[in-house]
Protein backbone atom coordinates (compact mmCIF):
# COMPACT_ATOMS: atom_id res chain seq x y z
CA MET A 1 104.53 12.74 -184.15
CA ASP A 2 101.98 11.80 -181.57
CA LEU A 3 98.83 10.30 -183.39
CA THR A 4 95.42 11.07 -182.71
CA VAL A 5 92.89 8.46 -181.29
CA VAL A 6 91.24 7.84 -184.74
CA GLN A 7 94.83 7.58 -186.49
CA LYS A 8 95.71 4.96 -184.03
CA ILE A 9 92.70 2.96 -184.50
CA ALA A 10 93.12 3.25 -188.32
CA ILE A 11 96.74 1.98 -187.90
CA TYR A 12 96.02 -0.86 -185.54
CA ALA A 13 92.55 -2.00 -186.89
CA ILE A 14 93.98 -4.39 -189.55
CA PRO A 15 96.70 -5.98 -187.59
CA VAL A 16 94.67 -6.55 -184.57
CA ILE A 17 91.60 -8.11 -186.54
CA PHE A 18 93.80 -10.43 -188.53
CA ALA A 19 96.17 -11.43 -185.43
CA ILE A 20 93.35 -12.67 -183.73
CA THR A 21 91.40 -14.04 -186.87
CA VAL A 22 94.38 -15.97 -188.17
CA HIS A 23 95.20 -17.17 -184.58
CA GLU A 24 91.76 -18.81 -184.45
CA ALA A 25 91.78 -20.05 -187.83
CA ALA A 26 95.22 -21.70 -187.19
CA HIS A 27 93.45 -23.74 -184.47
CA GLY A 28 90.85 -24.91 -186.52
CA TYR A 29 93.00 -26.04 -189.45
CA ALA A 30 95.39 -27.84 -186.99
CA ALA A 31 92.32 -29.55 -185.29
CA LYS A 32 91.16 -30.63 -188.80
CA HIS A 33 94.67 -32.02 -189.90
CA PHE A 34 94.88 -34.09 -186.53
CA GLY A 35 91.12 -35.68 -187.27
CA ASP A 36 88.62 -33.26 -185.38
CA MET A 37 86.26 -31.74 -187.74
CA THR A 38 84.27 -29.48 -185.50
CA ALA A 39 85.74 -26.48 -186.55
CA ARG A 40 85.41 -26.97 -190.24
CA ASP A 41 81.72 -28.18 -189.92
CA ALA A 42 81.18 -24.94 -188.27
CA GLY A 43 82.65 -22.94 -190.88
CA ARG A 44 85.43 -21.60 -188.56
CA ILE A 45 88.27 -22.49 -190.76
CA THR A 46 88.44 -19.21 -192.74
CA LEU A 47 90.09 -15.94 -192.80
CA ASN A 48 86.77 -14.02 -192.96
CA PRO A 49 87.06 -11.73 -189.82
CA LEU A 50 83.25 -11.87 -189.55
CA LYS A 51 83.41 -15.38 -188.32
CA HIS A 52 85.54 -14.61 -185.47
CA ILE A 53 85.05 -11.42 -184.17
CA ASP A 54 83.66 -10.68 -180.71
CA LEU A 55 82.48 -7.23 -180.24
CA PHE A 56 84.04 -6.81 -176.97
CA GLY A 57 87.08 -9.13 -177.02
CA THR A 58 88.12 -8.23 -180.55
CA ILE A 59 87.57 -4.51 -180.89
CA LEU A 60 86.48 -2.74 -177.50
CA LEU A 61 88.97 -4.28 -175.23
CA PRO A 62 92.01 -4.22 -177.61
CA ALA A 63 91.14 -0.72 -178.52
CA MET A 64 91.07 0.24 -174.84
CA THR A 65 94.54 -1.30 -173.88
CA VAL A 66 96.08 0.32 -177.05
CA MET A 67 94.62 3.73 -176.16
CA LEU A 68 95.97 3.31 -172.42
CA GLY A 69 99.26 1.81 -173.64
CA GLY A 70 99.17 -1.30 -171.72
CA ILE A 71 99.98 -4.88 -173.21
CA LEU A 72 97.54 -5.69 -175.79
CA PHE A 73 94.75 -8.05 -174.58
CA GLY A 74 91.85 -9.29 -176.36
CA TRP A 75 90.31 -12.60 -177.94
CA ALA A 76 87.96 -13.69 -180.63
CA LYS A 77 85.23 -16.22 -180.46
CA PRO A 78 87.23 -19.52 -179.87
CA VAL A 79 87.16 -22.06 -182.49
CA PRO A 80 85.24 -25.12 -181.42
CA VAL A 81 87.73 -27.99 -181.04
CA ASN A 82 86.75 -31.37 -179.63
CA PHE A 83 89.98 -32.80 -178.17
CA SER A 84 88.34 -36.21 -177.90
CA ARG A 85 88.02 -36.55 -181.62
CA LEU A 86 91.68 -35.83 -182.31
CA ASN A 87 93.77 -39.03 -183.45
CA ASN A 88 95.79 -39.00 -180.28
CA PRO A 89 94.01 -36.49 -178.15
CA LYS A 90 96.70 -35.69 -175.26
CA LYS A 91 99.46 -35.58 -177.78
CA ASP A 92 97.69 -33.68 -180.50
CA MET A 93 96.30 -31.36 -178.29
CA LEU A 94 100.07 -29.60 -178.19
CA TRP A 95 99.99 -28.99 -181.73
CA VAL A 96 96.48 -27.70 -182.03
CA ALA A 97 97.08 -25.22 -179.12
CA ALA A 98 100.60 -24.30 -180.44
CA ALA A 99 98.95 -23.62 -183.85
CA GLY A 100 97.81 -20.00 -182.77
CA PRO A 101 100.81 -18.65 -181.25
CA GLY A 102 102.80 -20.13 -184.16
CA SER A 103 100.45 -18.27 -186.62
CA ASN A 104 101.23 -15.02 -184.51
CA PHE A 105 105.04 -15.33 -184.93
CA ALA A 106 104.64 -15.91 -188.57
CA MET A 107 102.39 -12.84 -188.87
CA ALA A 108 105.13 -10.80 -186.78
CA ILE A 109 107.61 -11.63 -189.54
CA PHE A 110 105.27 -10.51 -192.21
CA TRP A 111 104.60 -7.07 -190.56
CA ALA A 112 108.41 -6.93 -190.00
CA LEU A 113 109.15 -7.24 -193.47
CA VAL A 114 106.23 -4.67 -194.38
CA MET A 115 108.11 -2.23 -191.97
CA LYS A 116 111.39 -2.88 -193.53
CA PHE A 117 110.25 -2.27 -197.23
CA ALA A 118 107.54 0.58 -196.35
CA GLY A 119 110.21 2.98 -197.31
CA ALA A 120 110.23 1.67 -201.00
CA ALA A 121 106.33 2.52 -201.19
CA PRO A 122 104.98 5.91 -202.65
CA ALA A 123 105.41 8.75 -200.00
CA ALA A 124 101.82 8.94 -199.23
CA PHE A 125 101.97 5.11 -197.89
CA ALA A 126 105.48 4.87 -196.53
CA TYR A 127 104.70 6.31 -193.13
CA PRO A 128 101.50 4.72 -192.53
CA LEU A 129 102.59 1.54 -193.63
CA GLY A 130 105.65 1.59 -191.42
CA LEU A 131 103.48 2.44 -188.31
CA MET A 132 101.12 -0.39 -189.37
CA GLY A 133 104.19 -2.64 -189.82
CA GLU A 134 105.35 -1.75 -186.05
CA ALA A 135 102.04 -2.10 -184.83
CA GLY A 136 101.50 -5.77 -186.29
CA ILE A 137 105.00 -6.77 -184.96
CA ALA A 138 103.96 -5.48 -181.27
CA ILE A 139 100.34 -6.81 -181.54
CA ASN A 140 101.23 -10.38 -182.74
CA ILE A 141 104.46 -10.83 -180.32
CA ALA A 142 102.12 -9.92 -177.46
CA LEU A 143 99.37 -12.19 -178.35
CA MET A 144 102.08 -14.92 -178.87
CA VAL A 145 103.81 -14.44 -175.50
CA LEU A 146 100.27 -13.94 -173.90
CA ASN A 147 98.81 -17.18 -175.14
CA LEU A 148 101.85 -18.96 -174.32
CA LEU A 149 101.44 -18.49 -170.51
CA PRO A 150 101.05 -21.91 -168.86
CA LEU A 151 97.64 -21.12 -167.70
CA PRO A 152 94.31 -22.87 -168.87
CA PRO A 153 92.58 -22.13 -170.92
CA LEU A 154 95.30 -20.23 -172.68
CA ASP A 155 97.28 -22.11 -175.38
CA GLY A 156 100.17 -22.58 -173.26
CA GLY A 157 98.01 -24.21 -170.40
CA ARG A 158 96.72 -26.74 -172.99
CA ILE A 159 100.34 -27.43 -174.14
CA ALA A 160 101.32 -27.95 -170.52
CA VAL A 161 98.34 -30.35 -169.95
CA SER A 162 99.48 -32.01 -173.16
CA LEU A 163 103.08 -32.45 -171.97
CA LEU A 164 102.38 -33.34 -168.14
CA PRO A 165 101.90 -36.96 -167.13
CA TYR A 166 98.28 -37.91 -166.72
CA LYS A 167 98.24 -37.85 -163.03
CA TYR A 168 99.45 -34.13 -163.04
CA ALA A 169 97.73 -33.13 -166.40
CA ARG A 170 93.96 -33.95 -165.00
CA PRO A 171 94.39 -31.70 -161.98
CA PHE A 172 96.26 -28.97 -163.77
CA ALA A 173 93.37 -28.88 -166.37
CA GLN A 174 90.96 -28.14 -163.51
CA ILE A 175 92.35 -24.83 -163.17
CA GLU A 176 90.62 -23.70 -166.46
CA ARG A 177 87.38 -22.78 -164.54
CA TYR A 178 89.23 -20.07 -162.69
CA GLY A 179 91.77 -19.14 -165.41
CA PHE A 180 90.01 -16.28 -167.14
CA VAL A 181 89.32 -14.70 -163.62
CA ILE A 182 93.07 -15.12 -162.79
CA LEU A 183 94.08 -13.60 -166.07
CA ILE A 184 91.89 -10.49 -165.46
CA VAL A 185 93.29 -9.99 -161.95
CA LEU A 186 96.84 -10.19 -163.33
CA LEU A 187 96.00 -7.72 -166.14
CA PHE A 188 94.20 -5.09 -163.97
CA SER A 189 96.71 -5.62 -161.10
CA GLY A 190 99.56 -4.64 -163.56
CA ALA A 191 101.40 -8.07 -162.63
CA LEU A 192 100.61 -9.29 -166.42
CA THR A 193 102.61 -6.43 -167.98
CA LYS A 194 105.59 -7.44 -165.61
CA ILE A 195 105.31 -11.01 -166.56
CA LEU A 196 105.14 -10.50 -169.98
CA SER A 197 107.22 -7.44 -170.90
CA PRO A 198 110.71 -9.18 -170.48
CA LEU A 199 109.35 -12.14 -173.00
CA PHE A 200 107.98 -9.63 -175.31
CA ALA A 201 111.66 -7.88 -175.47
CA LEU A 202 113.23 -11.30 -175.87
CA VAL A 203 110.98 -12.19 -178.75
CA TYR A 204 111.18 -8.76 -180.38
CA GLY A 205 115.10 -9.07 -180.25
CA LEU A 206 115.19 -12.42 -181.61
CA LEU A 207 112.80 -11.25 -184.54
CA SER A 208 115.17 -7.89 -185.09
CA ALA A 209 118.03 -10.06 -185.24
CA VAL A 210 116.62 -12.38 -187.97
CA ILE A 211 114.85 -9.95 -190.11
């Protein structure tokens, strides 16, 4: 059955908000673990969505992309990380960056379990829970794959900077000033969907085989 706009928003709201919130909190927790207390001191290592929500990036833009049927796109307020304060800045940057996409994969597993066991819920909740589980899987896989693109300032870009030798890492990191513009061009040209769709299918297939 086709959902109305209001029904779609109701189904997607919780998965979207927590996918982005947990992603940012995971960055902050990882940074704290490796020695940078900036996010902790700013009160950003929390699952309170109000601390992370960006009106346009967390609510309006994801809603528009969901309604239009494209790849989910959005962001929260970035958790502040001072990479120079990490115990081993270049090495630890990888783990701080990977924590966000890693949390999305964990949440995709959670929503897969919700979807799997939704049928055991009372009849009034089974169908919406199943839809919410399906939405949660799609949202978290999309955010994970998107953020792993090797483009600064995405997490994949920071992972690449961490892995590259110093002589290549520094010039590669300079791309960050243009990264957001490049991402927007890829999104509205349709190229981002073409790049991410096969990766999305690959991760979704892996998750289906495991759960």
